[in-house]
Amino acid sequence: MRLLLIRHGETADNVARTIGSHLPGPALSPTGIEQARALADRLAADEVAVVHSSRALRASQTAAEVAAARGLAHHEIDGFHEIDAGDLEGLPYAEALSGYAGTMQRWWHDPDARIPGGESGTEFMARFSAAIDAVANESNEVAVVVSHEAAICVWASSTATNLDAEFSRTHGVQNTGVVELHGSPAEGWRAVSWDGAPVA
């Protein structure tokens, strides 16, 4: 199957560069709404079979634009929400960097490391992978999942056979950026493109 992991459109938190992981979270900004509509246009040539999102408002709004353009319903799934920032929620990126992104890098050699007041790598990977399994059980064609930057980066770079820790340190995902993987839970996953750039 083709799995399109897509980051939601812009929010005020993104503009302010503050950490926001808790549900339901902020709505899309006016720019974010425009980005979501442009995303639906960009995906027009893809034969999308199902559209899913996290339960965060920003992800749900983004997915709704993609689904509506195809006359599909979109479904929110537990497990696709952002990595829980815990005690770092609401802090500026610069202040939270070592505790949030730094802990995620530790997960490569210590998956039980925990973000202060948040979740461990083991917990995150289990719930995100379970949500992916649910999507794969529904369709083996083209599936859209609208989620969040850290969640997409960590899960995809940890799961795709052609990505590694170095890749995860140097690649983010822009608002409405797409990470495309091919495969299945049973066969494994391979990254094909990352935020518009091909992956070897």
N, C-alpha and C. Protein backbone atom coordinates (compact mmCIF):
# COMPACT_ATOMS: atom_id res chain seq x y z
N MET A 1 0.83 -1.19 0.00
CA MET A 1 0.00 0.00 0.00
C MET A 1 0.87 1.25 0.00
N ARG A 2 0.28 2.36 -0.42
CA ARG A 2 0.94 3.66 -0.34
C ARG A 2 0.38 4.38 0.88
N LEU A 3 1.26 4.72 1.80
CA LEU A 3 0.88 5.41 3.02
C LEU A 3 1.41 6.83 2.95
N LEU A 4 0.49 7.81 2.97
CA LEU A 4 0.86 9.22 2.92
C LEU A 4 0.68 9.82 4.31
N LEU A 5 1.78 10.02 5.00
CA LEU A 5 1.75 10.66 6.32
C LEU A 5 1.92 12.16 6.11
N ILE A 6 0.94 12.92 6.56
CA ILE A 6 0.89 14.35 6.23
C ILE A 6 0.80 15.18 7.51
N ARG A 7 1.64 16.18 7.60
CA ARG A 7 1.54 17.10 8.73
C ARG A 7 0.38 18.06 8.49
N HIS A 8 -0.31 18.42 9.55
CA HIS A 8 -1.43 19.36 9.49
C HIS A 8 -0.99 20.73 8.99
N GLY A 9 -1.96 21.58 8.67
CA GLY A 9 -1.68 22.95 8.26
C GLY A 9 -1.24 23.82 9.44
N GLU A 10 -0.87 25.04 9.11
CA GLU A 10 -0.32 25.96 10.11
C GLU A 10 -1.32 26.34 11.20
N THR A 11 -0.80 26.51 12.42
CA THR A 11 -1.58 27.02 13.55
C THR A 11 -0.84 28.20 14.17
N ALA A 12 -1.53 28.88 15.07
CA ALA A 12 -0.89 30.00 15.77
C ALA A 12 0.31 29.53 16.58
N ASP A 13 0.25 28.32 17.15
CA ASP A 13 1.38 27.77 17.90
C ASP A 13 2.61 27.63 17.01
N ASN A 14 2.39 27.21 15.76
CA ASN A 14 3.52 27.06 14.83
C ASN A 14 4.17 28.41 14.57
N VAL A 15 3.35 29.43 14.38
CA VAL A 15 3.87 30.77 14.11
C VAL A 15 4.64 31.29 15.32
N ALA A 16 4.10 31.04 16.52
CA ALA A 16 4.73 31.50 17.75
C ALA A 16 5.92 30.62 18.15
N ARG A 17 6.07 29.46 17.49
CA ARG A 17 7.13 28.50 17.77
C ARG A 17 7.09 28.03 19.22
N THR A 18 5.90 27.57 19.61
CA THR A 18 5.73 26.98 20.94
C THR A 18 5.28 25.53 20.80
N ILE A 19 5.62 24.72 21.79
CA ILE A 19 5.28 23.30 21.79
C ILE A 19 3.80 23.13 22.12
N GLY A 20 3.08 22.39 21.28
CA GLY A 20 1.67 22.11 21.54
C GLY A 20 1.34 20.68 21.15
N SER A 21 1.07 19.84 22.14
CA SER A 21 0.80 18.43 21.85
C SER A 21 -0.53 17.94 22.41
N HIS A 22 -1.12 18.69 23.32
CA HIS A 22 -2.31 18.20 24.01
C HIS A 22 -3.57 18.40 23.18
N LEU A 23 -4.53 17.52 23.38
CA LEU A 23 -5.80 17.56 22.66
C LEU A 23 -6.80 18.48 23.36
N PRO A 24 -7.69 19.17 22.63
CA PRO A 24 -7.82 19.13 21.17
C PRO A 24 -6.85 20.04 20.42
N GLY A 25 -6.21 20.96 21.14
CA GLY A 25 -5.24 21.84 20.51
C GLY A 25 -5.87 22.93 19.68
N PRO A 26 -5.06 23.80 19.09
CA PRO A 26 -5.57 24.95 18.34
C PRO A 26 -6.15 24.57 16.99
N ALA A 27 -6.99 25.45 16.47
CA ALA A 27 -7.51 25.30 15.11
C ALA A 27 -6.47 25.78 14.11
N LEU A 28 -6.70 25.49 12.85
CA LEU A 28 -5.85 26.02 11.79
C LEU A 28 -5.96 27.54 11.74
N SER A 29 -4.86 28.18 11.43
CA SER A 29 -4.87 29.62 11.16
C SER A 29 -5.46 29.84 9.76
N PRO A 30 -5.77 31.09 9.39
CA PRO A 30 -6.22 31.33 8.02
C PRO A 30 -5.24 30.79 6.98
N THR A 31 -3.95 30.95 7.24
CA THR A 31 -2.95 30.38 6.33
C THR A 31 -3.03 28.86 6.32
N GLY A 32 -3.25 28.26 7.50
CA GLY A 32 -3.37 26.82 7.59
C GLY A 32 -4.55 26.27 6.79
N ILE A 33 -5.65 27.01 6.79
CA ILE A 33 -6.82 26.59 6.00
C ILE A 33 -6.48 26.63 4.52
N GLU A 34 -5.80 27.69 4.09
CA GLU A 34 -5.37 27.78 2.69
C GLU A 34 -4.43 26.63 2.33
N GLN A 35 -3.52 26.30 3.25
CA GLN A 35 -2.59 25.19 3.01
C GLN A 35 -3.34 23.87 2.87
N ALA A 36 -4.34 23.66 3.71
CA ALA A 36 -5.11 22.41 3.66
C ALA A 36 -5.86 22.29 2.33
N ARG A 37 -6.41 23.39 1.85
CA ARG A 37 -7.11 23.37 0.56
C ARG A 37 -6.13 23.14 -0.59
N ALA A 38 -4.96 23.75 -0.50
CA ALA A 38 -3.94 23.53 -1.53
C ALA A 38 -3.45 22.08 -1.50
N LEU A 39 -3.36 21.50 -0.31
CA LEU A 39 -2.98 20.09 -0.18
C LEU A 39 -3.97 19.20 -0.91
N ALA A 40 -5.26 19.46 -0.73
CA ALA A 40 -6.29 18.68 -1.41
C ALA A 40 -6.10 18.75 -2.92
N ASP A 41 -5.74 19.92 -3.42
CA ASP A 41 -5.48 20.07 -4.86
C ASP A 41 -4.24 19.30 -5.28
N ARG A 42 -3.18 19.35 -4.45
CA ARG A 42 -1.93 18.64 -4.78
C ARG A 42 -2.13 17.14 -4.86
N LEU A 43 -3.06 16.62 -4.07
CA LEU A 43 -3.30 15.18 -4.03
C LEU A 43 -4.37 14.73 -5.02
N ALA A 44 -4.82 15.64 -5.87
CA ALA A 44 -5.95 15.34 -6.76
C ALA A 44 -5.68 14.14 -7.66
N ALA A 45 -4.42 13.95 -8.06
CA ALA A 45 -4.10 12.85 -8.98
C ALA A 45 -3.93 11.52 -8.26
N ASP A 46 -3.85 11.54 -6.94
CA ASP A 46 -3.67 10.30 -6.18
C ASP A 46 -5.02 9.64 -5.93
N GLU A 47 -5.08 8.35 -6.12
CA GLU A 47 -6.33 7.61 -5.92
C GLU A 47 -6.48 7.25 -4.44
N VAL A 48 -6.75 8.27 -3.64
CA VAL A 48 -6.85 8.08 -2.20
C VAL A 48 -8.10 7.28 -1.86
N ALA A 49 -7.91 6.21 -1.09
CA ALA A 49 -9.04 5.35 -0.72
C ALA A 49 -9.62 5.71 0.64
N VAL A 50 -8.75 6.09 1.58
CA VAL A 50 -9.21 6.42 2.93
C VAL A 50 -8.44 7.62 3.45
N VAL A 51 -9.10 8.40 4.30
CA VAL A 51 -8.48 9.58 4.92
C VAL A 51 -8.70 9.50 6.42
N HIS A 52 -7.60 9.54 7.17
CA HIS A 52 -7.67 9.47 8.63
C HIS A 52 -6.86 10.62 9.22
N SER A 53 -7.11 10.90 10.49
CA SER A 53 -6.33 11.92 11.17
C SER A 53 -6.27 11.61 12.65
N SER A 54 -5.41 12.37 13.33
CA SER A 54 -5.45 12.35 14.79
C SER A 54 -6.71 13.06 15.25
N ARG A 55 -6.95 13.04 16.55
CA ARG A 55 -8.12 13.73 17.10
C ARG A 55 -7.86 15.21 17.37
N ALA A 56 -6.66 15.67 17.09
CA ALA A 56 -6.36 17.10 17.26
C ALA A 56 -7.16 17.90 16.23
N LEU A 57 -7.67 19.05 16.65
CA LEU A 57 -8.51 19.86 15.77
C LEU A 57 -7.79 20.23 14.49
N ARG A 58 -6.53 20.63 14.57
CA ARG A 58 -5.78 21.06 13.39
C ARG A 58 -5.61 19.93 12.38
N ALA A 59 -5.39 18.71 12.87
CA ALA A 59 -5.25 17.56 11.97
C ALA A 59 -6.59 17.19 11.35
N SER A 60 -7.64 17.23 12.17
CA SER A 60 -8.97 16.89 11.68
C SER A 60 -9.43 17.88 10.61
N GLN A 61 -9.16 19.17 10.83
CA GLN A 61 -9.54 20.18 9.83
C GLN A 61 -8.79 19.97 8.52
N THR A 62 -7.52 19.64 8.61
CA THR A 62 -6.72 19.40 7.40
C THR A 62 -7.24 18.18 6.65
N ALA A 63 -7.49 17.10 7.37
CA ALA A 63 -8.00 15.88 6.75
C ALA A 63 -9.37 16.10 6.12
N ALA A 64 -10.19 16.93 6.75
CA ALA A 64 -11.53 17.18 6.23
C ALA A 64 -11.47 17.81 4.84
N GLU A 65 -10.50 18.70 4.61
CA GLU A 65 -10.36 19.32 3.29
C GLU A 65 -9.98 18.28 2.23
N VAL A 66 -9.06 17.38 2.58
CA VAL A 66 -8.63 16.34 1.65
C VAL A 66 -9.79 15.40 1.33
N ALA A 67 -10.51 15.00 2.37
CA ALA A 67 -11.62 14.06 2.19
C ALA A 67 -12.75 14.68 1.39
N ALA A 68 -13.10 15.93 1.70
CA ALA A 68 -14.22 16.59 1.03
C ALA A 68 -13.97 16.72 -0.47
N ALA A 69 -12.72 16.93 -0.86
CA ALA A 69 -12.39 17.08 -2.28
C ALA A 69 -12.64 15.80 -3.06
N ARG A 70 -12.75 14.67 -2.32
CA ARG A 70 -12.98 13.37 -2.96
C ARG A 70 -14.35 12.79 -2.65
N GLY A 71 -15.15 13.53 -1.91
CA GLY A 71 -16.45 13.00 -1.52
C GLY A 71 -16.34 11.87 -0.51
N LEU A 72 -15.24 11.86 0.25
CA LEU A 72 -15.03 10.82 1.27
C LEU A 72 -15.30 11.39 2.65
N ALA A 73 -15.59 10.50 3.59
CA ALA A 73 -15.61 10.88 5.00
C ALA A 73 -14.19 10.70 5.53
N HIS A 74 -13.82 11.48 6.52
CA HIS A 74 -12.53 11.21 7.15
C HIS A 74 -12.80 10.76 8.58
N HIS A 75 -11.89 9.97 9.11
CA HIS A 75 -12.09 9.37 10.43
C HIS A 75 -10.91 9.70 11.34
N GLU A 76 -11.24 10.11 12.56
CA GLU A 76 -10.21 10.36 13.56
C GLU A 76 -9.87 9.05 14.27
N ILE A 77 -8.60 8.81 14.48
CA ILE A 77 -8.16 7.56 15.11
C ILE A 77 -7.27 7.88 16.30
N ASP A 78 -7.56 7.25 17.42
CA ASP A 78 -6.68 7.35 18.59
C ASP A 78 -5.31 6.80 18.20
N GLY A 79 -4.27 7.45 18.64
CA GLY A 79 -2.93 6.94 18.36
C GLY A 79 -2.13 7.81 17.43
N PHE A 80 -2.80 8.65 16.64
CA PHE A 80 -2.09 9.49 15.68
C PHE A 80 -1.76 10.88 16.23
N HIS A 81 -2.06 11.14 17.51
CA HIS A 81 -1.80 12.47 18.07
C HIS A 81 -0.29 12.69 18.25
N GLU A 82 0.06 13.95 18.49
CA GLU A 82 1.46 14.33 18.62
C GLU A 82 2.09 13.67 19.84
N ILE A 83 3.40 13.51 19.79
CA ILE A 83 4.15 12.97 20.93
C ILE A 83 3.92 13.90 22.12
N ASP A 84 3.51 13.32 23.24
CA ASP A 84 3.10 14.09 24.42
C ASP A 84 4.29 14.86 25.00
N ALA A 85 4.17 16.18 25.01
CA ALA A 85 5.25 17.03 25.52
C ALA A 85 5.27 17.11 27.03
N GLY A 86 4.23 16.63 27.70
CA GLY A 86 4.22 16.60 29.16
C GLY A 86 4.45 17.96 29.78
N ASP A 87 5.48 18.05 30.63
CA ASP A 87 5.78 19.29 31.35
C ASP A 87 6.27 20.41 30.44
N LEU A 88 6.60 20.07 29.20
CA LEU A 88 7.15 21.05 28.26
C LEU A 88 6.06 21.73 27.43
N GLU A 89 4.83 21.32 27.61
CA GLU A 89 3.71 21.87 26.84
C GLU A 89 3.65 23.39 26.97
N GLY A 90 3.55 24.06 25.82
CA GLY A 90 3.41 25.51 25.80
C GLY A 90 4.71 26.28 25.84
N LEU A 91 5.83 25.60 26.02
CA LEU A 91 7.12 26.30 26.09
C LEU A 91 7.61 26.66 24.68
N PRO A 92 8.42 27.71 24.57
CA PRO A 92 9.04 28.03 23.28
C PRO A 92 9.93 26.87 22.82
N TYR A 93 10.02 26.69 21.50
CA TYR A 93 10.86 25.62 20.96
C TYR A 93 12.26 25.64 21.57
N ALA A 94 12.87 26.82 21.61
CA ALA A 94 14.26 26.92 22.07
C ALA A 94 14.42 26.42 23.50
N GLU A 95 13.41 26.67 24.33
CA GLU A 95 13.47 26.25 25.73
C GLU A 95 13.24 24.75 25.88
N ALA A 96 12.40 24.20 25.03
CA ALA A 96 11.98 22.81 25.17
C ALA A 96 12.82 21.84 24.35
N LEU A 97 13.76 22.36 23.55
CA LEU A 97 14.46 21.53 22.57
C LEU A 97 15.15 20.33 23.19
N SER A 98 15.93 20.54 24.24
CA SER A 98 16.70 19.42 24.79
C SER A 98 15.79 18.37 25.42
N GLY A 99 14.74 18.81 26.10
CA GLY A 99 13.85 17.85 26.75
C GLY A 99 12.92 17.13 25.80
N TYR A 100 12.53 17.78 24.72
CA TYR A 100 11.57 17.19 23.78
C TYR A 100 12.30 16.47 22.65
N ALA A 101 12.91 17.21 21.74
CA ALA A 101 13.62 16.57 20.63
C ALA A 101 14.82 15.77 21.13
N GLY A 102 15.47 16.25 22.19
CA GLY A 102 16.62 15.52 22.73
C GLY A 102 16.24 14.15 23.24
N THR A 103 15.09 14.06 23.90
CA THR A 103 14.63 12.75 24.38
C THR A 103 14.29 11.84 23.21
N MET A 104 13.71 12.39 22.17
CA MET A 104 13.38 11.57 20.99
C MET A 104 14.63 10.98 20.36
N GLN A 105 15.72 11.73 20.35
CA GLN A 105 16.97 11.18 19.83
C GLN A 105 17.50 10.07 20.72
N ARG A 106 17.30 10.19 22.01
CA ARG A 106 17.72 9.12 22.94
C ARG A 106 16.97 7.83 22.67
N TRP A 107 15.76 7.93 22.12
CA TRP A 107 14.96 6.72 21.89
C TRP A 107 15.65 5.73 20.97
N TRP A 108 16.60 6.19 20.15
CA TRP A 108 17.29 5.26 19.25
C TRP A 108 18.09 4.22 20.04
N HIS A 109 18.60 4.59 21.20
CA HIS A 109 19.35 3.62 22.01
C HIS A 109 18.71 3.34 23.36
N ASP A 110 17.68 4.13 23.71
CA ASP A 110 16.98 3.93 24.99
C ASP A 110 15.50 4.26 24.80
N PRO A 111 14.74 3.33 24.18
CA PRO A 111 13.33 3.62 23.86
C PRO A 111 12.44 3.84 25.08
N ASP A 112 12.92 3.47 26.26
CA ASP A 112 12.12 3.68 27.46
C ASP A 112 12.38 5.05 28.10
N ALA A 113 13.28 5.84 27.53
CA ALA A 113 13.49 7.21 28.02
C ALA A 113 12.18 7.97 27.89
N ARG A 114 11.92 8.83 28.86
CA ARG A 114 10.62 9.51 28.92
C ARG A 114 10.79 11.02 28.85
N ILE A 115 9.98 11.67 28.02
CA ILE A 115 9.89 13.13 28.03
C ILE A 115 9.34 13.53 29.39
N PRO A 116 9.92 14.54 30.05
CA PRO A 116 9.45 14.90 31.39
C PRO A 116 7.93 15.12 31.45
N GLY A 117 7.25 14.28 32.22
CA GLY A 117 5.79 14.38 32.33
C GLY A 117 5.05 13.86 31.12
N GLY A 118 5.77 13.34 30.12
CA GLY A 118 5.15 12.87 28.88
C GLY A 118 5.28 11.37 28.69
N GLU A 119 5.51 10.95 27.44
CA GLU A 119 5.54 9.52 27.15
C GLU A 119 6.93 9.06 26.74
N SER A 120 7.11 7.75 26.78
CA SER A 120 8.37 7.14 26.37
C SER A 120 8.31 6.77 24.89
N GLY A 121 9.47 6.43 24.34
CA GLY A 121 9.50 5.99 22.96
C GLY A 121 8.73 4.70 22.75
N THR A 122 8.84 3.80 23.70
CA THR A 122 8.12 2.52 23.61
C THR A 122 6.62 2.75 23.56
N GLU A 123 6.14 3.65 24.42
CA GLU A 123 4.70 3.94 24.46
C GLU A 123 4.25 4.60 23.16
N PHE A 124 5.04 5.57 22.68
CA PHE A 124 4.65 6.25 21.45
C PHE A 124 4.60 5.29 20.27
N MET A 125 5.67 4.52 20.07
CA MET A 125 5.73 3.62 18.92
C MET A 125 4.60 2.60 18.96
N ALA A 126 4.25 2.12 20.13
CA ALA A 126 3.17 1.12 20.24
C ALA A 126 1.84 1.71 19.81
N ARG A 127 1.52 2.91 20.27
CA ARG A 127 0.19 3.45 19.94
C ARG A 127 0.12 3.94 18.50
N PHE A 128 1.21 4.50 17.96
CA PHE A 128 1.17 4.96 16.57
C PHE A 128 1.15 3.77 15.62
N SER A 129 1.93 2.74 15.91
CA SER A 129 1.95 1.54 15.06
C SER A 129 0.60 0.84 15.07
N ALA A 130 -0.05 0.81 16.23
CA ALA A 130 -1.38 0.19 16.31
C ALA A 130 -2.38 0.94 15.44
N ALA A 131 -2.27 2.27 15.42
CA ALA A 131 -3.16 3.07 14.57
C ALA A 131 -2.88 2.82 13.09
N ILE A 132 -1.61 2.70 12.72
CA ILE A 132 -1.25 2.38 11.33
C ILE A 132 -1.80 1.01 10.95
N ASP A 133 -1.69 0.05 11.85
CA ASP A 133 -2.23 -1.30 11.59
C ASP A 133 -3.72 -1.24 11.29
N ALA A 134 -4.44 -0.40 12.04
CA ALA A 134 -5.89 -0.27 11.83
C ALA A 134 -6.19 0.29 10.45
N VAL A 135 -5.39 1.26 10.00
CA VAL A 135 -5.58 1.82 8.66
C VAL A 135 -5.28 0.78 7.59
N ALA A 136 -4.20 0.04 7.77
CA ALA A 136 -3.81 -0.99 6.79
C ALA A 136 -4.85 -2.10 6.70
N ASN A 137 -5.49 -2.40 7.81
CA ASN A 137 -6.54 -3.43 7.80
C ASN A 137 -7.77 -2.97 7.03
N GLU A 138 -7.93 -1.65 6.93
CA GLU A 138 -9.10 -1.09 6.24
C GLU A 138 -8.87 -1.00 4.73
N SER A 139 -7.64 -0.69 4.33
CA SER A 139 -7.36 -0.50 2.90
C SER A 139 -5.91 -0.84 2.61
N ASN A 140 -5.66 -1.52 1.48
CA ASN A 140 -4.28 -1.79 1.06
C ASN A 140 -3.93 -0.97 -0.17
N GLU A 141 -4.65 0.14 -0.35
CA GLU A 141 -4.42 1.00 -1.51
C GLU A 141 -3.68 2.27 -1.07
N VAL A 142 -4.25 3.44 -1.35
CA VAL A 142 -3.61 4.70 -0.97
C VAL A 142 -4.33 5.25 0.26
N ALA A 143 -3.59 5.40 1.35
CA ALA A 143 -4.18 5.88 2.60
C ALA A 143 -3.52 7.18 3.02
N VAL A 144 -4.33 8.17 3.37
CA VAL A 144 -3.85 9.44 3.91
C VAL A 144 -4.03 9.42 5.42
N VAL A 145 -2.97 9.78 6.13
CA VAL A 145 -3.04 9.95 7.58
C VAL A 145 -2.50 11.34 7.90
N VAL A 146 -3.33 12.21 8.45
CA VAL A 146 -2.90 13.55 8.84
C VAL A 146 -2.53 13.51 10.31
N SER A 147 -1.27 13.81 10.58
CA SER A 147 -0.76 13.71 11.95
C SER A 147 0.10 14.94 12.25
N HIS A 148 1.23 14.75 12.91
CA HIS A 148 2.00 15.85 13.48
C HIS A 148 3.49 15.63 13.22
N GLU A 149 4.25 16.72 13.24
CA GLU A 149 5.64 16.65 12.79
C GLU A 149 6.48 15.66 13.58
N ALA A 150 6.53 15.80 14.89
CA ALA A 150 7.39 14.90 15.66
C ALA A 150 6.94 13.46 15.53
N ALA A 151 5.63 13.24 15.58
CA ALA A 151 5.10 11.88 15.47
C ALA A 151 5.47 11.25 14.14
N ILE A 152 5.30 12.00 13.05
CA ILE A 152 5.64 11.47 11.73
C ILE A 152 7.13 11.20 11.62
N CYS A 153 7.95 12.16 12.05
CA CYS A 153 9.40 12.01 11.93
C CYS A 153 9.91 10.80 12.70
N VAL A 154 9.47 10.66 13.94
CA VAL A 154 9.96 9.56 14.78
C VAL A 154 9.47 8.22 14.25
N TRP A 155 8.17 8.11 13.97
CA TRP A 155 7.65 6.80 13.55
C TRP A 155 8.23 6.40 12.20
N ALA A 156 8.22 7.31 11.22
CA ALA A 156 8.68 6.95 9.88
C ALA A 156 10.17 6.63 9.86
N SER A 157 10.98 7.44 10.54
CA SER A 157 12.42 7.19 10.50
C SER A 157 12.80 5.94 11.29
N SER A 158 12.00 5.59 12.29
CA SER A 158 12.25 4.38 13.07
C SER A 158 11.76 3.13 12.38
N THR A 159 10.76 3.28 11.51
CA THR A 159 10.08 2.13 10.91
C THR A 159 10.57 1.81 9.50
N ALA A 160 10.82 2.82 8.69
CA ALA A 160 11.25 2.59 7.31
C ALA A 160 12.63 1.95 7.28
N THR A 161 12.78 0.92 6.48
CA THR A 161 14.03 0.17 6.45
C THR A 161 15.19 0.96 5.84
N ASN A 162 14.89 2.02 5.10
CA ASN A 162 15.94 2.80 4.46
C ASN A 162 16.21 4.14 5.14
N LEU A 163 15.72 4.32 6.37
CA LEU A 163 15.99 5.53 7.14
C LEU A 163 16.70 5.15 8.44
N ASP A 164 17.31 6.17 9.08
CA ASP A 164 18.04 5.89 10.31
C ASP A 164 18.04 7.10 11.23
N ALA A 165 18.79 7.00 12.33
CA ALA A 165 18.82 8.06 13.33
C ALA A 165 19.34 9.36 12.75
N GLU A 166 20.37 9.29 11.90
CA GLU A 166 20.93 10.50 11.31
C GLU A 166 19.89 11.22 10.46
N PHE A 167 19.11 10.46 9.71
CA PHE A 167 18.05 11.06 8.89
C PHE A 167 17.06 11.79 9.79
N SER A 168 16.69 11.19 10.90
CA SER A 168 15.70 11.80 11.78
C SER A 168 16.22 13.08 12.41
N ARG A 169 17.53 13.19 12.57
CA ARG A 169 18.11 14.41 13.16
C ARG A 169 18.10 15.57 12.18
N THR A 170 18.11 15.27 10.90
CA THR A 170 18.33 16.31 9.90
C THR A 170 17.12 16.62 9.02
N HIS A 171 16.01 15.93 9.25
CA HIS A 171 14.83 16.14 8.40
C HIS A 171 13.58 16.40 9.24
N GLY A 172 12.91 17.50 8.95
CA GLY A 172 11.62 17.78 9.55
C GLY A 172 10.53 17.64 8.49
N VAL A 173 9.34 18.10 8.82
CA VAL A 173 8.22 18.08 7.87
C VAL A 173 7.51 19.43 7.98
N GLN A 174 7.41 20.14 6.87
CA GLN A 174 6.72 21.42 6.85
C GLN A 174 5.21 21.21 6.99
N ASN A 175 4.49 22.28 7.32
CA ASN A 175 3.03 22.19 7.37
C ASN A 175 2.49 21.70 6.03
N THR A 176 1.63 20.70 6.08
CA THR A 176 1.04 19.97 4.95
C THR A 176 2.09 19.25 4.10
N GLY A 177 3.30 19.06 4.64
CA GLY A 177 4.30 18.24 3.97
C GLY A 177 3.89 16.77 4.01
N VAL A 178 4.33 16.01 3.01
CA VAL A 178 3.94 14.61 2.86
C VAL A 178 5.16 13.71 2.96
N VAL A 179 5.06 12.68 3.79
CA VAL A 179 6.06 11.61 3.84
C VAL A 179 5.38 10.36 3.29
N GLU A 180 5.91 9.84 2.19
CA GLU A 180 5.28 8.68 1.54
C GLU A 180 6.08 7.41 1.80
N LEU A 181 5.38 6.39 2.29
CA LEU A 181 5.98 5.08 2.50
C LEU A 181 5.20 4.04 1.72
N HIS A 182 5.90 3.01 1.26
CA HIS A 182 5.26 1.88 0.59
C HIS A 182 5.53 0.63 1.41
N GLY A 183 4.53 -0.25 1.47
CA GLY A 183 4.69 -1.51 2.19
C GLY A 183 3.45 -1.89 2.94
N SER A 184 3.65 -2.52 4.09
CA SER A 184 2.54 -2.95 4.94
C SER A 184 3.10 -3.30 6.31
N PRO A 185 2.24 -3.40 7.33
CA PRO A 185 2.73 -3.82 8.64
C PRO A 185 3.41 -5.19 8.60
N ALA A 186 2.91 -6.09 7.77
CA ALA A 186 3.47 -7.45 7.70
C ALA A 186 4.79 -7.48 6.94
N GLU A 187 4.87 -6.73 5.84
CA GLU A 187 6.05 -6.78 4.97
C GLU A 187 7.11 -5.75 5.35
N GLY A 188 6.75 -4.77 6.15
CA GLY A 188 7.65 -3.67 6.47
C GLY A 188 7.42 -2.48 5.56
N TRP A 189 8.10 -1.38 5.86
CA TRP A 189 7.88 -0.12 5.15
C TRP A 189 9.18 0.42 4.59
N ARG A 190 9.07 1.09 3.44
CA ARG A 190 10.20 1.77 2.84
C ARG A 190 9.77 3.19 2.49
N ALA A 191 10.58 4.17 2.87
CA ALA A 191 10.27 5.56 2.54
C ALA A 191 10.59 5.82 1.07
N VAL A 192 9.66 6.47 0.38
CA VAL A 192 9.81 6.78 -1.04
C VAL A 192 10.12 8.26 -1.23
N SER A 193 9.45 9.12 -0.47
CA SER A 193 9.72 10.56 -0.54
C SER A 193 9.48 11.18 0.83
N TRP A 194 10.17 12.31 1.06
CA TRP A 194 10.07 12.99 2.35
C TRP A 194 9.90 14.47 2.10
N ASP A 195 8.74 14.97 2.40
CA ASP A 195 8.46 16.41 2.26
C ASP A 195 8.81 16.90 0.85
N GLY A 196 8.43 16.10 -0.15
CA GLY A 196 8.61 16.50 -1.54
C GLY A 196 9.90 16.06 -2.19
N ALA A 197 10.84 15.53 -1.40
CA ALA A 197 12.13 15.10 -1.96
C ALA A 197 12.22 13.57 -1.98
N PRO A 198 12.72 12.99 -3.07
CA PRO A 198 12.85 11.53 -3.13
C PRO A 198 13.81 11.02 -2.05
N VAL A 199 13.56 9.80 -1.59
CA VAL A 199 14.44 9.15 -0.62
C VAL A 199 15.09 7.95 -1.30
N ALA A 200 16.40 7.85 -1.19
CA ALA A 200 17.11 6.75 -1.85
C ALA A 200 16.82 5.42 -1.15
